[in-house]
Amino acid sequence: MAILHPFKAWRPIPDTVEEIACVPYDVISVEEARTLAEGKPKSFLHVIRPEIDLPEGTDPHEDRVYEKGAENLKEFLIDGTLHQEDTPHVYVYQLIRQGRPQTGIFSCVSVDDYNKEIILKHELTRPKKEDDRTRHLLTQQAHAEPVMLTYKDDERTQELIDETVQQEPLFNFEAEDGVVHKVWRASDSDAFVEAFSSIPNLYIADGHHRCKSASRAAAVEKEKNDAHTGDEEYNFFPAVLFPMSNMNIMAYNRIVHSIPDNFIETLGQKFELTAGAASSPSQKGNISIYINNKWYALELPIADNPNSVEQLDVHRLQEHLLSPLLDITDPRRDNNISFVGGIRGTEELEKLVNNGDAQMAISMYPTSIEELVEVSDEGLLMPPKSTWFEPKLRSGLLVHTF
């Protein structure tokens, strides 16, 4: 059963939260981070993207980048930018995007639960990215950003969430992208802990590398601690946990940088193409392709008696188009394919093709949360970049140190 661990969060005072809170490290480039943090010395980007405080062109894996992140966090903790709660708490976090609320629980979860596969994954992690995140954790002695988890809807947990949001929130602000963020401190954290003790599994939605890095960092800290008990703070990491019914997954689209000559004719020989199609497919199993200033629709073949992975559009695309027709056998590493989050819209796909950055764009139908959970329950793995979750969690709201 899942462990929920209240923690003594470091947090901004309400009057400064808008200045401090920022987008997650992995949804923006270094250049975008520099722009967003310009004129904002208290932006949490200085902690999660510390290379912005070093000369342009600095390798993000240089020693001084990790040291700068730790230095910036330490300064925030000392100068009062962030202050620590006196006692451990569970929190409730609500994001409202375009009028749609998404409300979950902000707490710590257990590294042991991750290691024992009570917290289930659906994607592979890359060692180089694991190394980077683990080093940030160990150098800062903190989990600066939460992961996003989901769980199957639970009546008692929902009652507690509903009760908590009737109180006055700690934070209530609208970010520059129009998303409203609200955080409440639960009046009865133990009730949340008890409710989660009956929930069998948690599922990683967004943050596979941060989960794995938390596990690796805990192993390092355990090795150094002869008196290890398992109750140390390094054995827990922060997460926002949403019931499945609250989750919103957008498409994760693709662009292909180079295609063979007359590729549209090749596609027409293998699939039934419909020209003049909509830029977004209307149902599962369909994709829209943009080539030569025109959108085409096609239906992806599916295997007989498919398992949970073989039913996924991203798998069917890989199996029947990317691999056999473009020799993209490992999209995780192939430089001929890039991925575009659905939040950027199909206009971004058209722009990338029209300006020559790519020769073909592929607009996908979103993977469902039910598909994600089914794959996880079966112990299988999705192809890379199968899901794009919106809205994104804000960083710098509640920080966990160990």
Protein backbone atom coordinates (compact mmCIF):
# COMPACT_ATOMS: atom_id res chain seq x y z
CA MET A 1 0.00 0.00 0.00
CA ALA A 2 1.14 3.54 -0.74
CA ILE A 3 3.01 5.60 1.85
CA LEU A 4 2.22 9.30 2.14
CA HIS A 5 4.85 11.24 4.11
CA PRO A 6 4.08 14.75 5.44
CA PHE A 7 7.09 17.07 5.25
CA LYS A 8 8.37 20.38 6.60
CA ALA A 9 8.21 22.33 3.39
CA TRP A 10 10.31 25.36 2.55
CA ARG A 11 7.95 27.84 0.90
CA PRO A 12 7.66 31.48 -0.13
CA ILE A 13 5.55 33.94 1.78
CA PRO A 14 2.31 34.57 -0.14
CA ASP A 15 3.31 38.10 -1.22
CA THR A 16 6.38 36.80 -3.10
CA VAL A 17 5.11 33.52 -4.51
CA GLU A 18 4.46 34.87 -8.01
CA GLU A 19 8.03 36.15 -8.28
CA ILE A 20 9.56 32.90 -7.02
CA ALA A 21 7.44 30.13 -8.58
CA CYS A 22 8.48 29.05 -12.07
CA VAL A 23 7.95 26.44 -14.77
CA PRO A 24 9.70 23.04 -14.40
CA TYR A 25 13.29 22.69 -15.54
CA ASP A 26 12.54 20.26 -18.36
CA VAL A 27 9.93 22.19 -20.36
CA ILE A 28 12.18 25.11 -21.34
CA SER A 29 15.60 25.56 -22.90
CA VAL A 30 18.46 27.40 -21.21
CA GLU A 31 17.80 30.40 -23.44
CA GLU A 32 14.11 30.45 -22.49
CA ALA A 33 15.05 30.16 -18.81
CA ARG A 34 17.40 33.15 -19.10
CA THR A 35 14.62 35.22 -20.61
CA LEU A 36 12.04 34.18 -18.01
CA ALA A 37 14.42 34.88 -15.10
CA GLU A 38 15.64 38.23 -16.43
CA GLY A 39 15.10 40.89 -13.78
CA LYS A 40 13.85 38.26 -11.31
CA PRO A 41 16.67 37.49 -8.86
CA LYS A 42 14.31 35.42 -6.69
CA SER A 43 12.97 33.22 -9.49
CA PHE A 44 13.34 29.55 -8.62
CA LEU A 45 14.85 29.11 -12.09
CA HIS A 46 18.14 30.14 -10.45
CA VAL A 47 17.96 26.86 -8.48
CA ILE A 48 16.67 24.43 -11.11
CA ARG A 49 18.43 26.04 -14.09
CA PRO A 50 21.57 27.46 -12.42
CA GLU A 51 23.46 27.60 -15.72
CA ILE A 52 21.53 30.83 -16.42
CA ASP A 53 23.80 32.52 -13.84
CA LEU A 54 26.95 31.41 -15.66
CA PRO A 55 28.38 32.58 -19.01
CA GLU A 56 26.44 31.61 -22.11
CA GLY A 57 27.72 28.36 -23.60
CA THR A 58 28.53 26.84 -20.20
CA ASP A 59 28.15 23.06 -20.32
CA PRO A 60 25.16 22.26 -18.04
CA HIS A 61 27.09 19.27 -16.70
CA GLU A 62 30.12 21.25 -15.47
CA ASP A 63 30.86 21.08 -11.74
CA ARG A 64 30.19 24.78 -11.31
CA VAL A 65 26.61 24.42 -12.56
CA TYR A 66 25.71 21.98 -9.78
CA GLU A 67 27.62 24.08 -7.24
CA LYS A 68 25.82 27.23 -8.38
CA GLY A 69 22.43 25.58 -7.96
CA ALA A 70 23.30 24.55 -4.40
CA GLU A 71 24.66 28.02 -3.66
CA ASN A 72 21.50 29.69 -4.95
CA LEU A 73 19.21 27.39 -2.96
CA LYS A 74 21.24 27.90 0.21
CA GLU A 75 20.99 31.66 -0.25
CA PHE A 76 17.19 31.42 -0.63
CA LEU A 77 16.96 29.39 2.58
CA ILE A 78 19.18 31.78 4.53
CA ASP A 79 17.88 35.14 3.31
CA GLY A 80 14.20 34.32 3.86
CA THR A 81 13.19 33.94 0.23
CA LEU A 82 11.91 30.55 1.42
CA HIS A 83 11.04 29.76 5.02
CA GLN A 84 10.44 26.34 6.56
CA GLU A 85 7.26 25.14 8.20
CA ASP A 86 7.58 24.32 11.91
CA THR A 87 5.92 20.91 11.54
CA PRO A 88 5.36 18.37 8.73
CA HIS A 89 2.23 18.77 6.64
CA VAL A 90 0.31 17.38 3.69
CA TYR A 91 -0.93 19.99 1.22
CA VAL A 92 -3.58 20.22 -1.49
CA TYR A 93 -2.59 21.78 -4.83
CA GLN A 94 -5.07 22.96 -7.44
CA LEU A 95 -4.31 24.16 -10.96
CA ILE A 96 -7.02 25.83 -13.04
CA ARG A 97 -6.44 26.03 -16.79
CA GLN A 98 -9.08 27.49 -19.08
CA GLY A 99 -11.67 27.10 -16.34
CA ARG A 100 -10.88 23.42 -15.69
CA PRO A 101 -9.63 22.64 -12.15
CA GLN A 102 -7.18 19.81 -11.46
CA THR A 103 -6.79 19.14 -7.76
CA GLY A 104 -4.37 16.78 -6.03
CA ILE A 105 -2.34 16.12 -2.91
CA PHE A 106 1.13 17.60 -2.45
CA SER A 107 3.18 15.43 -0.12
CA CYS A 108 6.24 13.24 -0.06
CA VAL A 109 6.17 9.62 -1.18
CA SER A 110 8.51 6.76 -0.43
CA VAL A 111 11.66 5.73 -2.29
CA ASP A 112 10.99 2.21 -1.01
CA ASP A 113 7.58 2.29 -2.70
CA TYR A 114 9.31 3.21 -5.95
CA ASN A 115 11.91 0.47 -5.55
CA LYS A 116 9.23 -2.11 -4.72
CA GLU A 117 7.06 -1.04 -7.70
CA ILE A 118 4.21 0.22 -5.60
CA ILE A 119 4.91 3.39 -7.56
CA LEU A 120 4.67 2.09 -11.13
CA LYS A 121 6.50 3.47 -14.15
CA HIS A 122 5.60 3.32 -17.83
CA GLU A 123 8.77 4.67 -19.45
CA LEU A 124 12.46 3.88 -19.52
CA THR A 125 14.91 6.40 -18.10
CA ARG A 126 18.18 7.48 -19.68
CA PRO A 127 21.35 7.01 -17.58
CA LYS A 128 22.84 10.38 -18.58
CA LYS A 129 19.74 12.26 -17.46
CA GLU A 130 19.54 10.15 -14.29
CA ASP A 131 23.15 11.11 -13.53
CA ASP A 132 22.39 14.79 -13.99
CA ARG A 133 19.29 14.82 -11.78
CA THR A 134 20.94 12.66 -9.09
CA ARG A 135 23.89 15.01 -8.92
CA HIS A 136 21.61 18.03 -8.54
CA LEU A 137 19.81 16.30 -5.64
CA LEU A 138 22.98 15.31 -3.84
CA THR A 139 24.70 18.65 -4.33
CA GLN A 140 21.68 20.65 -3.16
CA GLN A 141 20.65 18.10 -0.51
CA ALA A 142 17.11 18.81 -1.62
CA HIS A 143 14.32 17.72 -3.92
CA ALA A 144 13.65 21.05 -5.56
CA GLU A 145 10.74 19.94 -7.77
CA PRO A 146 7.87 17.49 -7.29
CA VAL A 147 6.97 14.66 -9.64
CA MET A 148 3.42 14.15 -10.91
CA LEU A 149 1.73 10.91 -9.88
CA THR A 150 -1.79 9.60 -10.32
CA TYR A 151 -3.93 7.03 -8.52
CA LYS A 152 -7.28 5.36 -9.07
CA ASP A 153 -10.06 7.52 -7.65
CA ASP A 154 -10.69 6.93 -3.95
CA GLU A 155 -13.80 8.16 -2.15
CA ARG A 156 -12.21 8.86 1.26
CA THR A 157 -9.26 10.71 -0.24
CA GLN A 158 -11.59 12.83 -2.34
CA GLU A 159 -13.64 13.74 0.74
CA LEU A 160 -10.47 15.01 2.42
CA ILE A 161 -9.48 17.04 -0.64
CA ASP A 162 -12.97 18.55 -0.87
CA GLU A 163 -12.89 19.51 2.81
CA THR A 164 -9.45 21.11 2.52
CA VAL A 165 -10.28 23.36 -0.43
CA GLN A 166 -13.07 24.96 1.60
CA GLN A 167 -10.36 26.64 3.70
CA GLU A 168 -8.39 29.78 2.89
CA PRO A 169 -5.45 28.86 0.61
CA LEU A 170 -1.82 29.59 1.40
CA PHE A 171 -1.22 30.59 -2.22
CA ASN A 172 -3.61 31.82 -4.89
CA PHE A 173 -2.07 33.39 -7.97
CA GLU A 174 -2.28 33.40 -11.74
CA ALA A 175 0.92 32.63 -13.65
CA GLU A 176 1.92 34.37 -16.85
CA ASP A 177 0.44 31.56 -18.94
CA GLY A 178 -3.00 32.11 -17.43
CA VAL A 179 -2.98 29.03 -15.18
CA VAL A 180 -4.23 29.70 -11.63
CA HIS A 181 -2.33 27.95 -8.84
CA LYS A 182 -3.75 27.40 -5.35
CA VAL A 183 -2.18 25.59 -2.39
CA TRP A 184 -3.83 24.69 0.91
CA ARG A 185 -2.23 23.25 4.04
CA ALA A 186 -4.29 20.29 5.22
CA SER A 187 -5.67 20.67 8.72
CA ASP A 188 -5.44 16.91 9.32
CA SER A 189 -2.41 15.45 7.54
CA ASP A 190 -2.75 12.14 9.41
CA ALA A 191 -6.15 11.57 7.80
CA PHE A 192 -4.55 11.78 4.35
CA VAL A 193 -1.80 9.39 5.41
CA GLU A 194 -4.38 6.89 6.70
CA ALA A 195 -6.49 7.18 3.53
CA PHE A 196 -3.49 6.44 1.32
CA SER A 197 -2.60 3.36 3.32
CA SER A 198 -5.45 1.60 1.50
CA ILE A 199 -4.40 2.69 -2.01
CA PRO A 200 -2.48 -0.18 -3.63
CA ASN A 201 -0.54 1.63 -6.36
CA LEU A 202 0.60 5.02 -7.54
CA TYR A 203 1.46 5.69 -11.17
CA ILE A 204 4.14 8.00 -12.53
CA ALA A 205 2.56 10.52 -14.88
CA ASP A 206 5.41 13.00 -15.29
CA GLY A 207 8.84 12.75 -13.69
CA HIS A 208 10.35 9.31 -14.36
CA HIS A 209 13.90 10.65 -14.16
CA ARG A 210 13.23 12.52 -10.91
CA CYS A 211 11.78 9.35 -9.35
CA LYS A 212 14.78 7.27 -10.39
CA SER A 213 17.18 9.98 -9.27
CA ALA A 214 15.51 10.18 -5.87
CA SER A 215 16.05 6.44 -5.52
CA ARG A 216 19.69 6.70 -6.52
CA ALA A 217 20.34 9.66 -4.23
CA ALA A 218 18.75 7.82 -1.30
CA ALA A 219 21.03 4.84 -1.94
CA VAL A 220 24.08 7.13 -1.79
CA GLU A 221 22.92 8.75 1.44
CA LYS A 222 22.12 5.37 2.97
CA GLU A 223 25.63 4.13 2.17
CA LYS A 224 27.09 7.09 4.07
CA ASN A 225 24.83 6.63 7.10
CA ASP A 226 25.81 3.79 9.42
CA ALA A 227 22.73 4.50 11.56
CA HIS A 228 20.28 4.33 8.63
CA THR A 229 16.72 3.49 9.73
CA GLY A 230 14.64 4.22 6.64
CA ASP A 231 12.87 7.16 8.28
CA GLU A 232 15.42 9.75 7.11
CA GLU A 233 14.14 12.49 4.85
CA TYR A 234 16.33 11.31 1.96
CA ASN A 235 14.07 8.24 1.78
CA PHE A 236 11.16 10.40 0.64
CA PHE A 237 10.62 12.75 -2.29
CA PRO A 238 7.89 15.28 -3.12
CA ALA A 239 5.02 14.51 -5.46
CA VAL A 240 1.67 15.92 -6.45
CA LEU A 241 -0.83 13.06 -6.63
CA PHE A 242 -3.97 13.48 -8.71
CA PRO A 243 -6.93 11.11 -8.96
CA MET A 244 -7.18 9.64 -12.46
CA SER A 245 -10.43 11.47 -13.19
CA ASN A 246 -8.59 14.80 -12.79
CA MET A 247 -5.79 14.09 -15.23
CA ASN A 248 -5.53 15.84 -18.58
CA ILE A 249 -3.27 14.39 -21.27
CA MET A 250 -2.58 16.24 -24.49
CA ALA A 251 -1.09 14.87 -27.68
CA TYR A 252 2.69 14.49 -27.95
CA ASN A 253 3.39 15.26 -31.59
CA ARG A 254 6.37 14.45 -33.79
CA ILE A 255 8.41 16.12 -36.50
CA VAL A 256 10.71 14.29 -38.92
CA HIS A 257 13.63 16.38 -40.13
CA SER A 258 14.43 14.49 -43.34
CA ILE A 259 12.22 12.24 -45.48
CA PRO A 260 12.93 10.50 -48.81
CA ASP A 261 11.92 12.12 -52.07
CA ASN A 262 8.29 11.56 -53.05
CA PHE A 263 7.52 10.26 -49.56
CA ILE A 264 3.86 11.20 -49.87
CA GLU A 265 3.57 8.68 -52.72
CA THR A 266 5.19 6.04 -50.50
CA LEU A 267 2.63 6.73 -47.80
CA GLY A 268 -0.18 6.51 -50.35
CA GLN A 269 0.97 3.05 -51.39
CA LYS A 270 0.96 1.73 -47.80
CA PHE A 271 -1.98 3.63 -46.27
CA GLU A 272 -5.26 5.10 -47.39
CA LEU A 273 -4.48 8.82 -47.36
CA THR A 274 -7.09 11.55 -47.20
CA ALA A 275 -5.89 14.96 -48.39
CA GLY A 276 -7.18 18.22 -46.95
CA ALA A 277 -7.64 16.67 -43.52
CA ALA A 278 -7.96 18.41 -40.17
CA SER A 279 -4.67 19.18 -38.42
CA SER A 280 -5.69 17.14 -35.36
CA PRO A 281 -7.06 13.58 -35.60
CA SER A 282 -10.57 13.15 -34.25
CA GLN A 283 -10.25 9.64 -32.83
CA LYS A 284 -7.85 7.03 -31.56
CA GLY A 285 -6.02 5.13 -34.29
CA ASN A 286 -5.85 8.11 -36.64
CA ILE A 287 -3.00 10.54 -37.25
CA SER A 288 -2.67 13.71 -39.31
CA ILE A 289 0.48 14.28 -41.39
CA TYR A 290 1.72 17.64 -42.68
CA ILE A 291 3.83 17.60 -45.85
CA ASN A 292 4.26 20.26 -48.55
CA ASN A 293 1.80 22.71 -46.96
CA LYS A 294 -1.01 20.15 -46.81
CA TRP A 295 -2.55 17.98 -44.09
CA TYR A 296 -3.33 14.33 -44.76
CA ALA A 297 -5.21 11.84 -42.57
CA LEU A 298 -4.48 8.14 -42.28
CA GLU A 299 -5.54 5.25 -40.06
CA LEU A 300 -2.82 3.23 -38.37
CA PRO A 301 -2.97 -0.57 -38.63
CA ILE A 302 -3.30 -2.57 -35.41
CA ALA A 303 -2.12 -6.06 -34.47
CA ASP A 304 -4.51 -8.94 -33.94
CA ASN A 305 -5.33 -9.41 -30.25
CA PRO A 306 -3.07 -6.51 -29.21
CA ASN A 307 -1.73 -6.12 -25.70
CA SER A 308 -1.94 -2.78 -23.89
CA VAL A 309 1.19 -1.38 -25.59
CA GLU A 310 0.33 -2.63 -29.08
CA GLN A 311 -2.99 -0.75 -28.86
CA LEU A 312 -1.23 2.59 -28.36
CA ASP A 313 -1.17 4.97 -31.32
CA VAL A 314 2.47 5.81 -30.59
CA HIS A 315 3.36 2.11 -30.87
CA ARG A 316 1.32 1.66 -34.04
CA LEU A 317 3.03 4.70 -35.57
CA GLN A 318 6.43 3.29 -34.72
CA GLU A 319 5.61 -0.21 -35.93
CA HIS A 320 3.99 0.67 -39.24
CA LEU A 321 5.51 3.98 -40.33
CA LEU A 322 8.58 5.28 -38.53
CA SER A 323 10.56 2.06 -38.43
CA PRO A 324 9.76 0.41 -41.80
CA LEU A 325 9.51 3.55 -43.94
CA LEU A 326 11.99 5.96 -42.32
CA ASP A 327 14.38 3.59 -40.53
CA ILE A 328 13.72 5.36 -37.23
CA THR A 329 14.12 2.27 -35.05
CA ASP A 330 15.08 4.01 -31.81
CA PRO A 331 13.18 7.31 -31.54
CA ARG A 332 14.76 7.93 -28.14
CA ARG A 333 18.16 8.44 -29.79
CA ASP A 334 17.51 9.04 -33.50
CA ASN A 335 18.37 12.61 -34.49
CA ASN A 336 15.93 12.49 -37.42
CA ILE A 337 12.90 12.77 -35.11
CA SER A 338 11.95 15.38 -32.53
CA PHE A 339 8.95 15.74 -30.25
CA VAL A 340 6.60 18.69 -29.80
CA GLY A 341 4.30 18.96 -26.78
CA GLY A 342 0.63 19.34 -27.59
CA ILE A 343 0.44 22.61 -25.66
CA ARG A 344 2.27 24.27 -28.59
CA GLY A 345 -0.56 23.40 -30.97
CA THR A 346 -0.51 22.20 -34.56
CA GLU A 347 0.43 25.71 -35.69
CA GLU A 348 3.87 24.99 -34.25
CA LEU A 349 4.09 21.84 -36.38
CA GLU A 350 3.24 23.80 -39.52
CA LYS A 351 5.79 26.47 -38.64
CA LEU A 352 8.59 23.94 -38.12
CA VAL A 353 7.92 22.36 -41.52
CA ASN A 354 7.34 25.62 -43.35
CA ASN A 355 10.56 27.20 -42.09
CA GLY A 356 12.64 24.15 -43.01
CA ASP A 357 13.39 22.78 -39.53
CA ALA A 358 11.53 19.61 -40.54
CA GLN A 359 10.11 18.05 -43.68
CA MET A 360 7.15 16.29 -42.10
CA ALA A 361 5.00 16.73 -39.00
CA ILE A 362 2.80 14.12 -37.34
CA SER A 363 -0.17 15.20 -35.24
CA MET A 364 -1.26 12.52 -32.76
CA TYR A 365 -4.46 11.68 -30.89
CA PRO A 366 -3.81 11.92 -27.12
CA THR A 367 -3.01 8.80 -25.12
CA SER A 368 -5.62 8.33 -22.38
CA ILE A 369 -4.89 8.05 -18.67
CA GLU A 370 -6.63 4.65 -18.72
CA GLU A 371 -4.14 3.44 -21.33
CA LEU A 372 -1.23 4.65 -19.20
CA VAL A 373 -2.52 2.84 -16.11
CA GLU A 374 -3.23 -0.36 -18.04
CA VAL A 375 0.31 -0.44 -19.42
CA SER A 376 1.75 0.22 -15.95
CA ASP A 377 -0.40 -2.46 -14.30
CA GLU A 378 0.82 -5.01 -16.84
CA GLY A 379 4.44 -4.12 -16.11
CA LEU A 380 5.01 -2.96 -19.68
CA LEU A 381 6.60 0.20 -21.06
CA MET A 382 5.29 2.83 -23.43
CA PRO A 383 7.31 4.17 -26.35
CA PRO A 384 9.12 7.43 -25.52
CA LYS A 385 7.16 10.67 -25.51
CA SER A 386 3.74 9.03 -25.33
CA THR A 387 2.10 11.58 -23.03
CA TRP A 388 2.11 15.34 -22.50
CA PHE A 389 0.43 16.46 -19.30
CA GLU A 390 -1.09 19.90 -18.86
CA PRO A 391 -1.14 22.03 -16.87
CA LYS A 392 2.44 21.74 -15.59
CA LEU A 393 3.25 21.88 -11.89
CA ARG A 394 4.93 25.06 -10.72
CA SER A 395 8.37 24.74 -9.12
CA GLY A 396 9.43 26.59 -5.98
CA LEU A 397 6.10 26.37 -4.16
CA LEU A 398 7.01 23.65 -1.65
CA VAL A 399 10.63 22.43 -1.44
CA HIS A 400 11.81 19.32 0.39
CA THR A 401 15.31 19.25 1.92
CA PHE A 402 17.09 16.24 3.36
